[in-house]
N, C-alpha and C. Protein backbone atom coordinates (compact mmCIF):
# COMPACT_ATOMS: atom_id res chain seq x y z
N UNK A 1 1.94 -14.60 -16.33
CA UNK A 1 0.52 -14.25 -16.18
C UNK A 1 0.86 -12.82 -15.84
N UNK A 2 0.01 -11.98 -16.56
CA UNK A 2 -0.14 -10.50 -16.42
C UNK A 2 -1.18 -10.24 -15.33
N UNK A 3 -1.21 -8.92 -14.98
CA UNK A 3 -2.19 -8.49 -13.82
C UNK A 3 -3.63 -8.86 -14.13
N UNK A 4 -3.85 -8.30 -15.42
CA UNK A 4 -5.21 -8.39 -16.02
C UNK A 4 -5.76 -9.95 -15.85
N UNK A 5 -4.80 -10.93 -16.28
CA UNK A 5 -4.94 -12.45 -16.07
C UNK A 5 -5.33 -12.82 -14.72
N UNK A 6 -4.37 -12.36 -13.93
CA UNK A 6 -4.41 -12.60 -12.35
C UNK A 6 -5.66 -12.33 -11.92
N UNK A 7 -6.35 -10.97 -12.20
CA UNK A 7 -7.56 -10.47 -11.56
C UNK A 7 -8.53 -11.13 -12.22
N UNK A 8 -8.60 -11.68 -13.45
CA UNK A 8 -9.77 -12.39 -14.13
C UNK A 8 -9.76 -13.90 -13.31
N UNK A 9 -8.60 -14.43 -13.16
CA UNK A 9 -8.61 -15.72 -12.36
C UNK A 9 -9.04 -15.59 -10.88
N UNK A 10 -8.96 -14.56 -10.36
CA UNK A 10 -9.42 -14.28 -9.02
C UNK A 10 -10.92 -14.33 -9.00
N UNK A 11 -11.56 -13.56 -10.20
CA UNK A 11 -12.68 -13.49 -10.44
C UNK A 11 -13.53 -14.67 -10.54
N UNK A 12 -12.80 -15.49 -11.49
CA UNK A 12 -13.18 -16.95 -11.81
C UNK A 12 -13.26 -17.83 -10.58
N UNK A 13 -12.38 -17.54 -9.52
CA UNK A 13 -12.40 -18.43 -8.44
C UNK A 13 -13.51 -17.67 -7.43
N UNK A 14 -14.12 -16.77 -7.75
CA UNK A 14 -15.21 -16.44 -6.85
C UNK A 14 -15.00 -15.02 -6.20
N UNK A 15 -14.03 -14.53 -6.33
CA UNK A 15 -13.98 -13.13 -5.83
C UNK A 15 -14.51 -12.17 -6.42
N UNK A 16 -15.27 -11.14 -5.81
CA UNK A 16 -15.81 -10.03 -6.57
C UNK A 16 -14.78 -9.02 -6.70
N UNK A 17 -15.16 -8.26 -7.77
CA UNK A 17 -14.19 -6.97 -7.75
C UNK A 17 -14.29 -6.07 -6.57
N UNK A 18 -15.36 -6.06 -5.97
CA UNK A 18 -15.45 -5.14 -4.58
C UNK A 18 -14.46 -5.95 -3.49
N UNK A 19 -14.39 -7.24 -3.49
CA UNK A 19 -13.65 -7.99 -2.42
C UNK A 19 -12.12 -7.74 -2.68
N UNK A 20 -11.91 -7.85 -4.01
CA UNK A 20 -10.45 -7.62 -4.33
C UNK A 20 -10.03 -6.17 -4.00
N UNK A 21 -10.91 -5.31 -4.27
CA UNK A 21 -10.54 -3.88 -4.10
C UNK A 21 -10.38 -3.69 -2.59
N UNK A 22 -11.26 -4.06 -1.81
CA UNK A 22 -11.20 -3.92 -0.39
C UNK A 22 -9.73 -4.54 0.11
N UNK A 23 -9.50 -5.85 -0.37
CA UNK A 23 -8.30 -6.34 0.19
C UNK A 23 -7.16 -5.72 -0.28
N UNK A 24 -7.12 -4.98 -1.30
CA UNK A 24 -5.72 -4.22 -1.57
C UNK A 24 -5.96 -2.75 -1.57
N UNK A 25 -6.99 -2.32 -0.93
CA UNK A 25 -7.42 -0.97 -0.50
C UNK A 25 -7.33 0.07 -1.75
N UNK A 26 -8.27 -0.34 -2.79
CA UNK A 26 -8.32 0.50 -3.87
C UNK A 26 -9.78 0.54 -4.09
N UNK A 27 -10.32 1.46 -5.06
CA UNK A 27 -11.75 1.60 -5.47
C UNK A 27 -12.07 0.49 -6.41
N UNK A 28 -13.30 -0.14 -6.31
CA UNK A 28 -13.60 -1.19 -7.15
C UNK A 28 -13.65 -0.75 -8.48
N UNK A 29 -13.78 0.45 -8.81
CA UNK A 29 -13.67 1.02 -10.12
C UNK A 29 -12.35 0.89 -10.81
N UNK A 30 -11.29 0.95 -10.09
CA UNK A 30 -9.95 0.69 -10.40
C UNK A 30 -9.59 -0.68 -10.93
N UNK A 31 -10.29 -1.59 -10.14
CA UNK A 31 -10.25 -3.05 -10.40
C UNK A 31 -10.94 -3.24 -11.72
N UNK A 32 -11.97 -2.64 -11.83
CA UNK A 32 -12.91 -2.84 -13.40
C UNK A 32 -12.22 -2.37 -14.48
N UNK A 33 -11.46 -1.15 -14.16
CA UNK A 33 -10.83 -0.59 -15.45
C UNK A 33 -9.68 -1.27 -15.55
N UNK A 34 -8.87 -2.15 -14.76
CA UNK A 34 -7.64 -2.74 -15.01
C UNK A 34 -8.04 -3.97 -15.81
N UNK A 35 -9.22 -4.64 -15.30
CA UNK A 35 -9.66 -5.83 -15.95
C UNK A 35 -10.10 -5.60 -17.54
N UNK A 36 -10.69 -4.47 -17.68
CA UNK A 36 -11.33 -4.10 -18.97
C UNK A 36 -10.07 -3.67 -19.90
N UNK A 37 -9.06 -3.16 -19.27
CA UNK A 37 -8.05 -2.59 -20.12
C UNK A 37 -7.87 -1.02 -20.19
N UNK A 38 -8.86 -0.44 -19.57
CA UNK A 38 -8.88 0.97 -19.57
C UNK A 38 -7.61 1.56 -18.81
N UNK A 39 -7.15 0.79 -17.85
CA UNK A 39 -5.93 1.24 -17.38
C UNK A 39 -4.95 0.23 -17.75
N UNK A 40 -3.95 0.70 -18.43
CA UNK A 40 -2.90 -0.39 -19.29
C UNK A 40 -1.59 -0.57 -18.20
N UNK A 41 -1.29 0.53 -17.55
CA UNK A 41 -0.17 0.41 -16.84
C UNK A 41 -0.21 0.89 -15.29
N UNK A 42 -1.01 -0.20 -14.43
CA UNK A 42 -1.44 0.40 -13.09
C UNK A 42 -0.25 0.66 -12.35
N UNK A 43 -0.18 1.46 -11.27
CA UNK A 43 0.98 1.77 -10.26
C UNK A 43 1.51 0.61 -9.83
N UNK A 44 2.86 0.80 -9.78
CA UNK A 44 3.66 -0.48 -9.19
C UNK A 44 3.07 -1.00 -7.70
N UNK A 45 2.62 -0.07 -6.97
CA UNK A 45 2.05 -0.60 -5.66
C UNK A 45 0.75 -1.32 -5.83
N UNK A 46 0.08 -0.92 -6.87
CA UNK A 46 -1.29 -1.69 -7.04
C UNK A 46 -1.02 -3.28 -7.70
N UNK A 47 0.13 -3.23 -8.46
CA UNK A 47 0.55 -4.54 -9.33
C UNK A 47 1.07 -5.32 -7.97
N UNK A 48 1.81 -4.73 -7.29
CA UNK A 48 2.40 -5.46 -6.24
C UNK A 48 1.35 -6.24 -5.34
N UNK A 49 0.30 -5.38 -4.93
CA UNK A 49 -0.83 -6.01 -4.02
C UNK A 49 -1.73 -6.88 -4.67
N UNK A 50 -1.89 -6.93 -5.99
CA UNK A 50 -2.59 -7.93 -6.81
C UNK A 50 -1.76 -9.13 -6.82
N UNK A 51 -0.51 -8.99 -7.16
CA UNK A 51 0.29 -10.31 -7.13
C UNK A 51 0.45 -10.81 -5.91
N UNK A 52 0.49 -10.24 -4.86
CA UNK A 52 0.52 -10.87 -3.39
C UNK A 52 -0.80 -11.56 -3.15
N UNK A 53 -1.96 -10.84 -3.36
CA UNK A 53 -3.21 -11.45 -3.01
C UNK A 53 -3.39 -12.81 -3.98
N UNK A 54 -2.94 -12.79 -5.30
CA UNK A 54 -2.99 -13.65 -6.19
C UNK A 54 -2.32 -14.97 -5.69
N UNK A 55 -0.95 -14.63 -5.24
CA UNK A 55 -0.05 -15.82 -4.57
C UNK A 55 -0.68 -16.55 -3.41
N UNK A 56 -1.07 -15.51 -2.50
CA UNK A 56 -2.00 -16.01 -1.25
C UNK A 56 -2.98 -17.07 -1.73
N UNK A 57 -3.85 -16.47 -2.54
CA UNK A 57 -5.08 -17.44 -2.89
C UNK A 57 -4.60 -18.55 -3.66
N UNK A 58 -3.72 -18.52 -4.48
CA UNK A 58 -3.17 -19.73 -5.21
C UNK A 58 -2.67 -20.66 -4.15
N UNK A 59 -1.86 -20.15 -3.31
CA UNK A 59 -1.26 -21.17 -2.13
C UNK A 59 -2.18 -21.74 -1.48
N UNK A 60 -3.32 -20.93 -0.86
CA UNK A 60 -4.61 -21.38 -0.32
C UNK A 60 -5.05 -22.60 -1.24
N UNK A 61 -5.34 -22.38 -2.46
CA UNK A 61 -6.05 -23.23 -3.20
C UNK A 61 -5.08 -24.68 -3.22
N UNK A 62 -3.89 -24.49 -3.38
CA UNK A 62 -3.00 -25.77 -3.55
C UNK A 62 -3.22 -26.59 -2.11
N UNK A 63 -3.12 -25.84 -0.97
CA UNK A 63 -3.17 -26.56 0.29
C UNK A 63 -4.57 -27.19 0.29
N UNK A 64 -5.64 -26.57 0.25
CA UNK A 64 -6.90 -27.00 0.28
C UNK A 64 -7.14 -28.11 -0.68
N UNK A 65 -6.69 -28.23 -1.88
CA UNK A 65 -6.97 -29.05 -2.88
C UNK A 65 -6.29 -30.57 -2.57
N UNK A 66 -5.25 -30.40 -1.64
CA UNK A 66 -4.55 -31.68 -1.26
C UNK A 66 -5.01 -32.06 0.19
N UNK A 67 -6.02 -31.52 0.70
CA UNK A 67 -6.32 -32.03 2.08
C UNK A 67 -7.42 -33.11 2.06
């Protein structure tokens, strides 16, 4: 799964672009431009933060869905 797909999945799960941006400490417009494809190759640090957020949320979902 690529970064754009991770962001789209987070959005489908109910996270706003603003909330994602706040969590990874970037502007909301950065998240929007990544999702839309205007930013094709985001910085490594942003990619890393998005992956970490996605993994935390995915693990949380797995734990919650089995309670």
